[in-house]
Amino acid sequence: MKKILLASVLMAGIATPTLAAEFYIVQDTATKKCTIVDKKPTVTTQTVVGDGKVFTTREEATTGMKAVKVCQSM
């Protein structure tokens, strides 16, 4: 019983960081270049674009960046 409980806790611990992944589309205020980051920016040199939408995978963010008007001109 203890082995099953321990295995369950370990599996939940491994899976939890994956479920909590967040990606943002940000624009550098100086260069106007868009990039994808995995943490919400806390500096004033980067602005979250695309209505501040949070993506769960980098692929979703890449697709979303193609739809953001300020990123299309880059």
PDB file of N, CA and C in Angstrom:
ATOM      1  N   MET A   1       0.827  -1.191   0.000  1.00  0.00           N
ATOM      2  CA  MET A   1       0.000   0.000   0.000  1.00  0.00           C
ATOM      3  C   MET A   1       0.876   1.261   0.000  1.00  0.00           C
ATOM      4  N   LYS A   2       1.934   1.253   0.797  1.00  0.00           N
ATOM      5  CA  LYS A   2       2.820   2.413   0.864  1.00  0.00           C
ATOM      6  C   LYS A   2       3.530   2.638  -0.470  1.00  0.00           C
ATOM      7  N   LYS A   3       3.893   1.545  -1.142  1.00  0.00           N
ATOM      8  CA  LYS A   3       4.557   1.671  -2.438  1.00  0.00           C
ATOM      9  C   LYS A   3       3.633   2.327  -3.465  1.00  0.00           C
ATOM     10  N   ILE A   4       2.377   1.957  -3.447  1.00  0.00           N
ATOM     11  CA  ILE A   4       1.415   2.528  -4.386  1.00  0.00           C
ATOM     12  C   ILE A   4       1.216   4.008  -4.098  1.00  0.00           C
ATOM     13  N   LEU A   5       1.101   4.359  -2.835  1.00  0.00           N
ATOM     14  CA  LEU A   5       0.931   5.756  -2.447  1.00  0.00           C
ATOM     15  C   LEU A   5       2.159   6.576  -2.837  1.00  0.00           C
ATOM     16  N   LEU A   6       3.333   6.052  -2.574  1.00  0.00           N
ATOM     17  CA  LEU A   6       4.572   6.747  -2.918  1.00  0.00           C
ATOM     18  C   LEU A   6       4.692   6.931  -4.438  1.00  0.00           C
ATOM     19  N   ALA A   7       4.355   5.905  -5.178  1.00  0.00           N
ATOM     20  CA  ALA A   7       4.412   5.986  -6.641  1.00  0.00           C
ATOM     21  C   ALA A   7       3.420   7.024  -7.158  1.00  0.00           C
ATOM     22  N   SER A   8       2.248   7.088  -6.569  1.00  0.00           N
ATOM     23  CA  SER A   8       1.239   8.071  -6.977  1.00  0.00           C
ATOM     24  C   SER A   8       1.708   9.490  -6.710  1.00  0.00           C
ATOM     25  N   VAL A   9       2.320   9.715  -5.574  1.00  0.00           N
ATOM     26  CA  VAL A   9       2.822  11.044  -5.221  1.00  0.00           C
ATOM     27  C   VAL A   9       3.948  11.445  -6.172  1.00  0.00           C
ATOM     28  N   LEU A  10       4.838  10.528  -6.480  1.00  0.00           N
ATOM     29  CA  LEU A  10       5.926  10.830  -7.402  1.00  0.00           C
ATOM     30  C   LEU A  10       5.410  11.143  -8.802  1.00  0.00           C
ATOM     31  N   MET A  11       4.447  10.399  -9.274  1.00  0.00           N
ATOM     32  CA  MET A  11       3.879  10.641 -10.595  1.00  0.00           C
ATOM     33  C   MET A  11       3.181  11.995 -10.641  1.00  0.00           C
ATOM     34  N   ALA A  12       2.458  12.348  -9.603  1.00  0.00           N
ATOM     35  CA  ALA A  12       1.784  13.650  -9.553  1.00  0.00           C
ATOM     36  C   ALA A  12       2.812  14.773  -9.527  1.00  0.00           C
ATOM     37  N   GLY A  13       3.903  14.570  -8.827  1.00  0.00           N
ATOM     38  CA  GLY A  13       4.952  15.579  -8.757  1.00  0.00           C
ATOM     39  C   GLY A  13       5.637  15.797 -10.088  1.00  0.00           C
ATOM     40  N   ILE A  14       5.772  14.756 -10.859  1.00  0.00           N
ATOM     41  CA  ILE A  14       6.399  14.861 -12.178  1.00  0.00           C
ATOM     42  C   ILE A  14       5.434  15.514 -13.166  1.00  0.00           C
ATOM     43  N   ALA A  15       4.167  15.187 -13.103  1.00  0.00           N
ATOM     44  CA  ALA A  15       3.187  15.689 -14.067  1.00  0.00           C
ATOM     45  C   ALA A  15       2.768  17.125 -13.790  1.00  0.00           C
ATOM     46  N   THR A  16       2.799  17.573 -12.571  1.00  0.00           N
ATOM     47  CA  THR A  16       2.308  18.897 -12.206  1.00  0.00           C
ATOM     48  C   THR A  16       3.049  20.028 -12.911  1.00  0.00           C
ATOM     49  N   PRO A  17       4.374  20.046 -12.981  1.00  0.00           N
ATOM     50  CA  PRO A  17       5.030  21.151 -13.692  1.00  0.00           C
ATOM     51  C   PRO A  17       4.648  21.227 -15.165  1.00  0.00           C
ATOM     52  N   THR A  18       4.409  20.108 -15.792  1.00  0.00           N
ATOM     53  CA  THR A  18       4.014  20.086 -17.186  1.00  0.00           C
ATOM     54  C   THR A  18       2.633  20.705 -17.356  1.00  0.00           C
ATOM     55  N   LEU A  19       1.744  20.438 -16.448  1.00  0.00           N
ATOM     56  CA  LEU A  19       0.394  20.972 -16.532  1.00  0.00           C
ATOM     57  C   LEU A  19       0.373  22.480 -16.279  1.00  0.00           C
ATOM     58  N   ALA A  20       1.349  22.987 -15.569  1.00  0.00           N
ATOM     59  CA  ALA A  20       1.366  24.392 -15.199  1.00  0.00           C
ATOM     60  C   ALA A  20       2.148  25.257 -16.185  1.00  0.00           C
ATOM     61  N   ALA A  21       2.506  24.727 -17.339  1.00  0.00           N
ATOM     62  CA  ALA A  21       3.300  25.485 -18.305  1.00  0.00           C
ATOM     63  C   ALA A  21       2.496  26.667 -18.831  1.00  0.00           C
ATOM     64  N   GLU A  22       3.152  27.820 -18.927  1.00  0.00           N
ATOM     65  CA  GLU A  22       2.526  29.024 -19.447  1.00  0.00           C
ATOM     66  C   GLU A  22       3.484  29.705 -20.408  1.00  0.00           C
ATOM     67  N   PHE A  23       2.969  30.144 -21.539  1.00  0.00           N
ATOM     68  CA  PHE A  23       3.771  30.856 -22.525  1.00  0.00           C
ATOM     69  C   PHE A  23       3.055  32.144 -22.892  1.00  0.00           C
ATOM     70  N   TYR A  24       3.849  33.200 -23.059  1.00  0.00           N
ATOM     71  CA  TYR A  24       3.320  34.516 -23.387  1.00  0.00           C
ATOM     72  C   TYR A  24       3.998  35.034 -24.648  1.00  0.00           C
ATOM     73  N   ILE A  25       3.262  35.827 -25.412  1.00  0.00           N
ATOM     74  CA  ILE A  25       3.845  36.535 -26.546  1.00  0.00           C
ATOM     75  C   ILE A  25       4.158  37.933 -26.037  1.00  0.00           C
ATOM     76  N   VAL A  26       5.415  38.315 -26.129  1.00  0.00           N
ATOM     77  CA  VAL A  26       5.817  39.635 -25.649  1.00  0.00           C
ATOM     78  C   VAL A  26       6.499  40.408 -26.771  1.00  0.00           C
ATOM     79  N   GLN A  27       6.434  41.724 -26.654  1.00  0.00           N
ATOM     80  CA  GLN A  27       7.091  42.595 -27.616  1.00  0.00           C
ATOM     81  C   GLN A  27       8.088  43.468 -26.866  1.00  0.00           C
ATOM     82  N   ASP A  28       9.300  43.524 -27.380  1.00  0.00           N
ATOM     83  CA  ASP A  28      10.328  44.398 -26.826  1.00  0.00           C
ATOM     84  C   ASP A  28       9.929  45.832 -27.156  1.00  0.00           C
ATOM     85  N   THR A  29       9.868  46.694 -26.155  1.00  0.00           N
ATOM     86  CA  THR A  29       9.409  48.062 -26.382  1.00  0.00           C
ATOM     87  C   THR A  29      10.390  48.891 -27.199  1.00  0.00           C
ATOM     88  N   ALA A  30      11.657  48.543 -27.198  1.00  0.00           N
ATOM     89  CA  ALA A  30      12.656  49.306 -27.953  1.00  0.00           C
ATOM     90  C   ALA A  30      12.745  48.851 -29.410  1.00  0.00           C
ATOM     91  N   THR A  31      12.842  47.542 -29.623  1.00  0.00           N
ATOM     92  CA  THR A  31      13.034  47.013 -30.983  1.00  0.00           C
ATOM     93  C   THR A  31      11.730  46.651 -31.676  1.00  0.00           C
ATOM     94  N   LYS A  32      10.646  46.542 -30.900  1.00  0.00           N
ATOM     95  CA  LYS A  32       9.317  46.130 -31.404  1.00  0.00           C
ATOM     96  C   LYS A  32       9.308  44.695 -31.909  1.00  0.00           C
ATOM     97  N   LYS A  33      10.303  43.903 -31.527  1.00  0.00           N
ATOM     98  CA  LYS A  33      10.395  42.503 -31.936  1.00  0.00           C
ATOM     99  C   LYS A  33       9.573  41.640 -30.973  1.00  0.00           C
ATOM    100  N   CYS A  34       8.815  40.697 -31.523  1.00  0.00           N
ATOM    101  CA  CYS A  34       8.001  39.790 -30.720  1.00  0.00           C
ATOM    102  C   CYS A  34       8.757  38.491 -30.445  1.00  0.00           C
ATOM    103  N   THR A  35       8.589  37.979 -29.245  1.00  0.00           N
ATOM    104  CA  THR A  35       9.176  36.691 -28.866  1.00  0.00           C
ATOM    105  C   THR A  35       8.195  35.953 -27.971  1.00  0.00           C
ATOM    106  N   ILE A  36       8.490  34.692 -27.753  1.00  0.00           N
ATOM    107  CA  ILE A  36       7.680  33.861 -26.858  1.00  0.00           C
ATOM    108  C   ILE A  36       8.518  33.583 -25.619  1.00  0.00           C
ATOM    109  N   VAL A  37       7.911  33.804 -24.444  1.00  0.00           N
ATOM    110  CA  VAL A  37       8.605  33.561 -23.181  1.00  0.00           C
ATOM    111  C   VAL A  37       7.766  32.628 -22.320  1.00  0.00           C
ATOM    112  N   ASP A  38       8.422  31.957 -21.378  1.00  0.00           N
ATOM    113  CA  ASP A  38       7.711  31.012 -20.528  1.00  0.00           C
ATOM    114  C   ASP A  38       7.369  31.575 -19.148  1.00  0.00           C
ATOM    115  N   LYS A  39       7.637  32.859 -18.947  1.00  0.00           N
ATOM    116  CA  LYS A  39       7.256  33.528 -17.700  1.00  0.00           C
ATOM    117  C   LYS A  39       6.701  34.896 -18.039  1.00  0.00           C
ATOM    118  N   LYS A  40       5.695  35.317 -17.300  1.00  0.00           N
ATOM    119  CA  LYS A  40       5.127  36.633 -17.532  1.00  0.00           C
ATOM    120  C   LYS A  40       6.187  37.684 -17.227  1.00  0.00           C
ATOM    121  N   PRO A  41       6.431  38.587 -18.161  1.00  0.00           N
ATOM    122  CA  PRO A  41       7.494  39.572 -17.947  1.00  0.00           C
ATOM    123  C   PRO A  41       7.168  40.525 -16.794  1.00  0.00           C
ATOM    124  N   THR A  42       8.199  40.853 -16.047  1.00  0.00           N
ATOM    125  CA  THR A  42       8.048  41.783 -14.933  1.00  0.00           C
ATOM    126  C   THR A  42       8.809  43.079 -15.184  1.00  0.00           C
ATOM    127  N   VAL A  43       9.496  43.147 -16.305  1.00  0.00           N
ATOM    128  CA  VAL A  43      10.268  44.337 -16.647  1.00  0.00           C
ATOM    129  C   VAL A  43       9.448  45.218 -17.584  1.00  0.00           C
ATOM    130  N   THR A  44       9.756  46.499 -17.589  1.00  0.00           N
ATOM    131  CA  THR A  44       8.990  47.432 -18.413  1.00  0.00           C
ATOM    132  C   THR A  44       9.467  47.464 -19.856  1.00  0.00           C
ATOM    133  N   THR A  45      10.541  46.766 -20.166  1.00  0.00           N
ATOM    134  CA  THR A  45      11.047  46.741 -21.543  1.00  0.00           C
ATOM    135  C   THR A  45      10.343  45.695 -22.398  1.00  0.00           C
ATOM    136  N   GLN A  46       9.464  44.905 -21.794  1.00  0.00           N
ATOM    137  CA  GLN A  46       8.687  43.915 -22.531  1.00  0.00           C
ATOM    138  C   GLN A  46       7.215  44.097 -22.199  1.00  0.00           C
ATOM    139  N   THR A  47       6.378  43.996 -23.235  1.00  0.00           N
ATOM    140  CA  THR A  47       4.946  44.128 -23.072  1.00  0.00           C
ATOM    141  C   THR A  47       4.273  42.872 -23.598  1.00  0.00           C
ATOM    142  N   VAL A  48       3.335  42.322 -22.826  1.00  0.00           N
ATOM    143  CA  VAL A  48       2.565  41.170 -23.290  1.00  0.00           C
ATOM    144  C   VAL A  48       1.593  41.665 -24.357  1.00  0.00           C
ATOM    145  N   VAL A  49       1.578  41.007 -25.506  1.00  0.00           N
ATOM    146  CA  VAL A  49       0.686  41.376 -26.607  1.00  0.00           C
ATOM    147  C   VAL A  49      -0.282  40.237 -26.877  1.00  0.00           C
ATOM    148  N   GLY A  50      -1.253  40.481 -27.745  1.00  0.00           N
ATOM    149  CA  GLY A  50      -2.240  39.441 -28.059  1.00  0.00           C
ATOM    150  C   GLY A  50      -3.290  39.331 -26.988  1.00  0.00           C
ATOM    151  N   ASP A  51      -3.728  40.450 -26.463  1.00  0.00           N
ATOM    152  CA  ASP A  51      -4.754  40.511 -25.418  1.00  0.00           C
ATOM    153  C   ASP A  51      -4.326  39.799 -24.138  1.00  0.00           C
ATOM    154  N   GLY A  52      -3.028  39.609 -23.953  1.00  0.00           N
ATOM    155  CA  GLY A  52      -2.522  38.986 -22.730  1.00  0.00           C
ATOM    156  C   GLY A  52      -2.840  37.511 -22.605  1.00  0.00           C
ATOM    157  N   LYS A  53      -3.184  36.885 -23.713  1.00  0.00           N
ATOM    158  CA  LYS A  53      -3.553  35.467 -23.689  1.00  0.00           C
ATOM    159  C   LYS A  53      -2.392  34.609 -23.219  1.00  0.00           C
ATOM    160  N   VAL A  54      -2.710  33.604 -22.400  1.00  0.00           N
ATOM    161  CA  VAL A  54      -1.722  32.656 -21.899  1.00  0.00           C
ATOM    162  C   VAL A  54      -1.889  31.360 -22.676  1.00  0.00           C
ATOM    163  N   PHE A  55      -0.774  30.847 -23.208  1.00  0.00           N
ATOM    164  CA  PHE A  55      -0.796  29.614 -23.983  1.00  0.00           C
ATOM    165  C   PHE A  55      -0.205  28.482 -23.151  1.00  0.00           C
ATOM    166  N   THR A  56      -0.677  27.269 -23.374  1.00  0.00           N
ATOM    167  CA  THR A  56      -0.195  26.129 -22.596  1.00  0.00           C
ATOM    168  C   THR A  56       0.979  25.417 -23.254  1.00  0.00           C
ATOM    169  N   THR A  57       1.185  25.634 -24.551  1.00  0.00           N
ATOM    170  CA  THR A  57       2.334  25.038 -25.233  1.00  0.00           C
ATOM    171  C   THR A  57       3.022  26.096 -26.088  1.00  0.00           C
ATOM    172  N   ARG A  58       4.286  25.875 -26.363  1.00  0.00           N
ATOM    173  CA  ARG A  58       5.037  26.797 -27.210  1.00  0.00           C
ATOM    174  C   ARG A  58       4.471  26.798 -28.634  1.00  0.00           C
ATOM    175  N   GLU A  59       3.987  25.643 -29.093  1.00  0.00           N
ATOM    176  CA  GLU A  59       3.412  25.558 -30.429  1.00  0.00           C
ATOM    177  C   GLU A  59       2.168  26.433 -30.552  1.00  0.00           C
ATOM    178  N   GLU A  60       1.320  26.418 -29.524  1.00  0.00           N
ATOM    179  CA  GLU A  60       0.133  27.279 -29.519  1.00  0.00           C
ATOM    180  C   GLU A  60       0.538  28.747 -29.561  1.00  0.00           C
ATOM    181  N   ALA A  61       1.557  29.095 -28.807  1.00  0.00           N
ATOM    182  CA  ALA A  61       2.028  30.478 -28.771  1.00  0.00           C
ATOM    183  C   ALA A  61       2.591  30.894 -30.125  1.00  0.00           C
ATOM    184  N   THR A  62       3.301  29.998 -30.785  1.00  0.00           N
ATOM    185  CA  THR A  62       3.848  30.289 -32.105  1.00  0.00           C
ATOM    186  C   THR A  62       2.724  30.548 -33.104  1.00  0.00           C
ATOM    187  N   THR A  63       1.701  29.723 -33.063  1.00  0.00           N
ATOM    188  CA  THR A  63       0.548  29.924 -33.935  1.00  0.00           C
ATOM    189  C   THR A  63      -0.167  31.220 -33.579  1.00  0.00           C
ATOM    190  N   GLY A  64      -0.317  31.481 -32.288  1.00  0.00           N
ATOM    191  CA  GLY A  64      -0.968  32.702 -31.833  1.00  0.00           C
ATOM    192  C   GLY A  64      -0.207  33.949 -32.231  1.00  0.00           C
ATOM    193  N   MET A  65       1.119  33.873 -32.258  1.00  0.00           N
ATOM    194  CA  MET A  65       1.925  35.031 -32.615  1.00  0.00           C
ATOM    195  C   MET A  65       1.679  35.438 -34.073  1.00  0.00           C
ATOM    196  N   LYS A  66       1.363  34.473 -34.921  1.00  0.00           N
ATOM    197  CA  LYS A  66       1.080  34.777 -36.329  1.00  0.00           C
ATOM    198  C   LYS A  66      -0.187  35.596 -36.480  1.00  0.00           C
ATOM    199  N   ALA A  67      -1.080  35.532 -35.483  1.00  0.00           N
ATOM    200  CA  ALA A  67      -2.348  36.261 -35.550  1.00  0.00           C
ATOM    201  C   ALA A  67      -2.287  37.637 -34.882  1.00  0.00           C
ATOM    202  N   VAL A  68      -1.220  37.923 -34.164  1.00  0.00           N
ATOM    203  CA  VAL A  68      -1.084  39.215 -33.476  1.00  0.00           C
ATOM    204  C   VAL A  68      -0.590  40.247 -34.478  1.00  0.00           C
ATOM    205  N   LYS A  69      -1.365  41.298 -34.675  1.00  0.00           N
ATOM    206  CA  LYS A  69      -1.059  42.299 -35.714  1.00  0.00           C
ATOM    207  C   LYS A  69       0.297  42.971 -35.505  1.00  0.00           C
ATOM    208  N   VAL A  70       0.642  43.321 -34.291  1.00  0.00           N
ATOM    209  CA  VAL A  70       1.909  44.022 -34.067  1.00  0.00           C
ATOM    210  C   VAL A  70       3.113  43.125 -34.333  1.00  0.00           C
ATOM    211  N   CYS A  71       2.916  41.822 -34.359  1.00  0.00           N
ATOM    212  CA  CYS A  71       4.011  40.890 -34.624  1.00  0.00           C
ATOM    213  C   CYS A  71       4.121  40.520 -36.104  1.00  0.00           C
ATOM    214  N   GLN A  72       3.096  40.779 -36.878  1.00  0.00           N
ATOM    215  CA  GLN A  72       3.097  40.392 -38.283  1.00  0.00           C
ATOM    216  C   GLN A  72       4.046  41.224 -39.125  1.00  0.00           C
ATOM    217  N   SER A  73       4.315  42.446 -38.724  1.00  0.00           N
ATOM    218  CA  SER A  73       5.174  43.311 -39.534  1.00  0.00           C
ATOM    219  C   SER A  73       6.649  43.008 -39.316  1.00  0.00           C
ATOM    220  N   MET A  74       6.980  42.092 -38.444  1.00  0.00           N
ATOM    221  CA  MET A  74       8.372  41.782 -38.157  1.00  0.00           C
ATOM    222  C   MET A  74       8.886  40.724 -39.094  1.00  0.00           C
TER     223      MET A  74
END
